[in-house]
């Protein structure tokens, strides 16, 4: 299961639910996928350079918390790879 964080301009990164509705063009998110050892840094197309820079720093911090096997992968809105998008699929019971 993936863990999500919204990356804010002040450098904080509160945990958020991983859902497609969260991917808004003015936001920056980090999604940690333990199965692929990936920390995805998703940048909305209208998120602004300051928020993206703060997000990159926070993503690096999150990666260090996860361990050295994890790698940060930056993703721009509209260029999401299938592996990233699959983390947002709704699980059925």
N, C-alpha and C. Protein backbone atom coordinates (compact mmCIF):
# COMPACT_ATOMS: atom_id res chain seq x y z
N UNK A 1 0.84 -1.19 0.00
CA UNK A 1 0.00 0.00 0.00
C UNK A 1 0.88 1.24 0.00
N UNK A 2 0.49 2.23 -0.74
CA UNK A 2 1.26 3.46 -0.86
C UNK A 2 0.87 4.46 0.23
N UNK A 3 1.85 5.27 0.60
CA UNK A 3 1.61 6.35 1.55
C UNK A 3 1.77 7.66 0.80
N UNK A 4 0.91 8.63 1.12
CA UNK A 4 0.96 9.91 0.43
C UNK A 4 1.20 11.07 1.37
N UNK A 5 1.85 12.11 0.83
CA UNK A 5 2.13 13.33 1.58
C UNK A 5 1.91 14.52 0.66
N UNK A 6 1.23 15.55 1.18
CA UNK A 6 1.14 16.80 0.43
C UNK A 6 2.33 17.65 0.84
N UNK A 7 3.04 18.18 -0.14
CA UNK A 7 4.23 18.95 0.13
C UNK A 7 3.89 20.44 0.06
N UNK A 8 4.08 21.12 1.18
CA UNK A 8 3.69 22.52 1.30
C UNK A 8 4.90 23.44 1.18
N UNK A 9 4.65 24.72 0.85
CA UNK A 9 5.72 25.69 0.64
C UNK A 9 6.62 25.86 1.86
N UNK A 10 6.07 25.67 3.06
CA UNK A 10 6.86 25.86 4.28
C UNK A 10 7.72 24.65 4.61
N UNK A 11 7.71 23.64 3.75
CA UNK A 11 8.54 22.47 3.95
C UNK A 11 7.87 21.34 4.72
N UNK A 12 6.69 21.59 5.25
CA UNK A 12 5.98 20.52 5.95
C UNK A 12 5.35 19.58 4.93
N UNK A 13 5.07 18.37 5.38
CA UNK A 13 4.49 17.37 4.47
C UNK A 13 3.52 16.48 5.25
N UNK A 14 2.29 17.00 5.47
CA UNK A 14 1.29 16.19 6.16
C UNK A 14 0.88 14.98 5.33
N UNK A 15 0.59 13.89 6.03
CA UNK A 15 0.12 12.67 5.36
C UNK A 15 -1.27 12.90 4.80
N UNK A 16 -1.51 12.36 3.62
CA UNK A 16 -2.82 12.46 2.97
C UNK A 16 -3.16 11.10 2.37
N UNK A 17 -4.43 10.91 2.09
CA UNK A 17 -4.89 9.68 1.44
C UNK A 17 -4.46 9.70 -0.02
N UNK A 18 -4.03 8.56 -0.52
CA UNK A 18 -3.62 8.44 -1.92
C UNK A 18 -4.87 8.20 -2.76
N UNK A 19 -5.34 9.28 -3.41
CA UNK A 19 -6.52 9.18 -4.27
C UNK A 19 -6.37 10.15 -5.43
N UNK A 20 -6.92 9.79 -6.56
CA UNK A 20 -6.77 10.59 -7.77
C UNK A 20 -7.27 12.02 -7.61
N UNK A 21 -8.30 12.22 -6.80
CA UNK A 21 -8.86 13.55 -6.60
C UNK A 21 -7.87 14.51 -5.97
N UNK A 22 -6.86 13.97 -5.31
CA UNK A 22 -5.85 14.81 -4.66
C UNK A 22 -4.89 15.44 -5.66
N UNK A 23 -4.74 14.85 -6.83
CA UNK A 23 -3.79 15.33 -7.82
C UNK A 23 -4.34 16.56 -8.53
N UNK A 24 -4.22 17.70 -7.87
CA UNK A 24 -4.70 18.97 -8.42
C UNK A 24 -3.51 19.77 -8.93
N UNK A 25 -3.72 20.52 -9.99
CA UNK A 25 -2.62 21.19 -10.69
C UNK A 25 -1.85 22.20 -9.84
N UNK A 26 -2.42 22.69 -8.75
CA UNK A 26 -1.73 23.66 -7.91
C UNK A 26 -0.95 23.02 -6.76
N UNK A 27 -0.93 21.68 -6.71
CA UNK A 27 -0.32 20.98 -5.58
C UNK A 27 0.91 20.17 -5.98
N UNK A 28 1.67 19.80 -4.95
CA UNK A 28 2.83 18.92 -5.10
C UNK A 28 2.65 17.80 -4.09
N UNK A 29 2.84 16.55 -4.54
CA UNK A 29 2.65 15.39 -3.66
C UNK A 29 3.85 14.47 -3.72
N UNK A 30 4.00 13.73 -2.66
CA UNK A 30 4.99 12.66 -2.59
C UNK A 30 4.22 11.38 -2.31
N UNK A 31 4.49 10.35 -3.07
CA UNK A 31 3.86 9.06 -2.86
C UNK A 31 4.96 8.02 -2.69
N UNK A 32 4.94 7.31 -1.58
CA UNK A 32 5.94 6.30 -1.28
C UNK A 32 5.36 4.93 -1.62
N UNK A 33 6.05 4.22 -2.52
CA UNK A 33 5.64 2.88 -2.93
C UNK A 33 6.70 1.90 -2.43
N UNK A 34 6.38 1.18 -1.37
CA UNK A 34 7.33 0.24 -0.79
C UNK A 34 7.67 -0.92 -1.73
N UNK A 35 6.73 -1.31 -2.58
CA UNK A 35 6.96 -2.47 -3.45
C UNK A 35 8.03 -2.20 -4.51
N UNK A 36 8.17 -0.95 -4.94
CA UNK A 36 9.18 -0.61 -5.95
C UNK A 36 10.32 0.24 -5.38
N UNK A 37 10.28 0.47 -4.07
CA UNK A 37 11.29 1.31 -3.40
C UNK A 37 11.38 2.67 -4.07
N UNK A 38 10.21 3.26 -4.33
CA UNK A 38 10.15 4.55 -5.02
C UNK A 38 9.49 5.60 -4.15
N UNK A 39 10.05 6.80 -4.22
CA UNK A 39 9.42 7.98 -3.65
C UNK A 39 9.10 8.87 -4.85
N UNK A 40 7.84 8.91 -5.22
CA UNK A 40 7.42 9.70 -6.37
C UNK A 40 7.15 11.14 -5.95
N UNK A 41 7.77 12.08 -6.64
CA UNK A 41 7.53 13.50 -6.41
C UNK A 41 6.68 13.99 -7.58
N UNK A 42 5.38 14.16 -7.33
CA UNK A 42 4.45 14.58 -8.38
C UNK A 42 4.26 16.09 -8.28
N UNK A 43 4.47 16.78 -9.42
CA UNK A 43 4.38 18.24 -9.45
C UNK A 43 3.24 18.67 -10.37
N UNK A 44 2.26 19.35 -9.80
CA UNK A 44 1.16 19.88 -10.58
C UNK A 44 1.65 20.97 -11.53
N UNK A 45 0.99 21.10 -12.68
CA UNK A 45 1.44 22.03 -13.71
C UNK A 45 1.38 23.49 -13.29
N UNK A 46 0.58 23.81 -12.29
CA UNK A 46 0.44 25.19 -11.82
C UNK A 46 0.87 25.33 -10.36
N UNK A 47 1.75 24.45 -9.91
CA UNK A 47 2.12 24.44 -8.48
C UNK A 47 3.12 25.51 -8.10
N UNK A 48 3.83 26.08 -9.01
CA UNK A 48 4.76 27.16 -8.70
C UNK A 48 6.14 26.63 -8.31
N UNK A 49 7.15 27.39 -8.67
CA UNK A 49 8.53 26.97 -8.45
C UNK A 49 8.86 26.85 -6.97
N UNK A 50 8.39 27.76 -6.14
CA UNK A 50 8.69 27.71 -4.71
C UNK A 50 8.15 26.43 -4.07
N UNK A 51 6.92 26.08 -4.40
CA UNK A 51 6.32 24.86 -3.87
C UNK A 51 7.04 23.62 -4.39
N UNK A 52 7.45 23.65 -5.65
CA UNK A 52 8.17 22.51 -6.22
C UNK A 52 9.54 22.33 -5.56
N UNK A 53 10.24 23.43 -5.28
CA UNK A 53 11.53 23.34 -4.62
C UNK A 53 11.37 22.82 -3.19
N UNK A 54 10.40 23.35 -2.46
CA UNK A 54 10.13 22.85 -1.11
C UNK A 54 9.75 21.38 -1.16
N UNK A 55 9.00 21.00 -2.18
CA UNK A 55 8.61 19.60 -2.36
C UNK A 55 9.80 18.70 -2.62
N UNK A 56 10.74 19.16 -3.41
CA UNK A 56 11.93 18.37 -3.70
C UNK A 56 12.75 18.14 -2.43
N UNK A 57 12.87 19.17 -1.61
CA UNK A 57 13.60 19.02 -0.34
C UNK A 57 12.88 18.05 0.59
N UNK A 58 11.56 18.18 0.67
CA UNK A 58 10.78 17.27 1.52
C UNK A 58 10.84 15.84 1.00
N UNK A 59 10.81 15.67 -0.32
CA UNK A 59 10.89 14.32 -0.90
C UNK A 59 12.22 13.67 -0.55
N UNK A 60 13.29 14.44 -0.54
CA UNK A 60 14.59 13.92 -0.16
C UNK A 60 14.59 13.50 1.31
N UNK A 61 13.96 14.30 2.15
CA UNK A 61 13.84 13.97 3.57
C UNK A 61 13.04 12.68 3.77
N UNK A 62 11.94 12.55 3.05
CA UNK A 62 11.10 11.35 3.13
C UNK A 62 11.89 10.13 2.65
N UNK A 63 12.65 10.29 1.58
CA UNK A 63 13.48 9.21 1.07
C UNK A 63 14.49 8.75 2.11
N UNK A 64 15.11 9.67 2.81
CA UNK A 64 16.08 9.31 3.85
C UNK A 64 15.42 8.54 4.98
N UNK A 65 14.18 8.90 5.30
CA UNK A 65 13.42 8.18 6.33
C UNK A 65 13.10 6.76 5.88
N UNK A 66 12.89 6.58 4.59
CA UNK A 66 12.51 5.26 4.05
C UNK A 66 13.70 4.32 3.94
N UNK A 67 14.87 4.83 3.66
CA UNK A 67 16.06 3.99 3.53
C UNK A 67 16.78 4.22 2.22
N UNK A 68 18.02 3.76 2.18
CA UNK A 68 18.88 4.02 1.03
C UNK A 68 18.46 3.28 -0.23
N UNK A 69 17.64 2.25 -0.10
CA UNK A 69 17.18 1.52 -1.29
C UNK A 69 16.15 2.32 -2.09
N UNK A 70 15.54 3.31 -1.47
CA UNK A 70 14.51 4.11 -2.13
C UNK A 70 15.14 5.18 -3.01
N UNK A 71 14.49 5.45 -4.13
CA UNK A 71 14.94 6.49 -5.06
C UNK A 71 13.80 7.46 -5.30
N UNK A 72 14.13 8.75 -5.42
CA UNK A 72 13.14 9.78 -5.73
C UNK A 72 12.98 9.84 -7.25
N UNK A 73 11.73 9.82 -7.69
CA UNK A 73 11.42 9.95 -9.11
C UNK A 73 10.48 11.14 -9.28
N UNK A 74 10.94 12.17 -9.97
CA UNK A 74 10.12 13.35 -10.22
C UNK A 74 9.18 13.10 -11.39
N UNK A 75 7.93 13.53 -11.21
CA UNK A 75 6.91 13.33 -12.24
C UNK A 75 6.15 14.64 -12.42
N UNK A 76 6.08 15.11 -13.66
CA UNK A 76 5.28 16.29 -13.98
C UNK A 76 3.86 15.87 -14.32
N UNK A 77 2.91 16.72 -13.95
CA UNK A 77 1.51 16.45 -14.27
C UNK A 77 1.36 16.25 -15.78
N UNK A 78 0.65 15.19 -16.14
CA UNK A 78 0.42 14.87 -17.54
C UNK A 78 1.43 13.89 -18.10
N UNK A 79 2.49 13.59 -17.33
CA UNK A 79 3.52 12.66 -17.79
C UNK A 79 3.68 11.50 -16.81
N UNK A 80 2.58 11.12 -16.15
CA UNK A 80 2.59 10.07 -15.15
C UNK A 80 2.78 8.69 -15.78
N UNK A 81 3.77 7.92 -15.30
CA UNK A 81 3.94 6.56 -15.81
C UNK A 81 2.85 5.64 -15.26
N UNK A 82 2.56 4.53 -15.94
CA UNK A 82 1.51 3.61 -15.50
C UNK A 82 1.72 3.10 -14.07
N UNK A 83 2.96 2.83 -13.68
CA UNK A 83 3.23 2.33 -12.34
C UNK A 83 2.81 3.31 -11.26
N UNK A 84 2.99 4.58 -11.52
CA UNK A 84 2.56 5.61 -10.58
C UNK A 84 1.04 5.67 -10.53
N UNK A 85 0.40 5.70 -11.69
CA UNK A 85 -1.06 5.80 -11.73
C UNK A 85 -1.73 4.60 -11.11
N UNK A 86 -1.10 3.43 -11.18
CA UNK A 86 -1.72 2.24 -10.60
C UNK A 86 -1.85 2.34 -9.08
N UNK A 87 -1.05 3.19 -8.45
CA UNK A 87 -1.15 3.38 -6.99
C UNK A 87 -2.44 4.07 -6.59
N UNK A 88 -3.10 4.71 -7.55
CA UNK A 88 -4.31 5.47 -7.28
C UNK A 88 -5.59 4.72 -7.61
N UNK A 89 -5.47 3.50 -8.07
CA UNK A 89 -6.66 2.71 -8.39
C UNK A 89 -7.36 2.31 -7.10
N UNK A 90 -8.67 2.37 -7.15
CA UNK A 90 -9.47 2.03 -5.97
C UNK A 90 -9.50 0.53 -5.79
N UNK A 91 -9.23 0.09 -4.57
CA UNK A 91 -9.28 -1.34 -4.28
C UNK A 91 -10.71 -1.74 -4.00
N UNK A 92 -11.11 -2.88 -4.53
CA UNK A 92 -12.45 -3.39 -4.29
C UNK A 92 -12.40 -4.47 -3.23
N UNK A 93 -13.47 -4.56 -2.45
CA UNK A 93 -13.52 -5.54 -1.37
C UNK A 93 -14.28 -6.75 -1.82
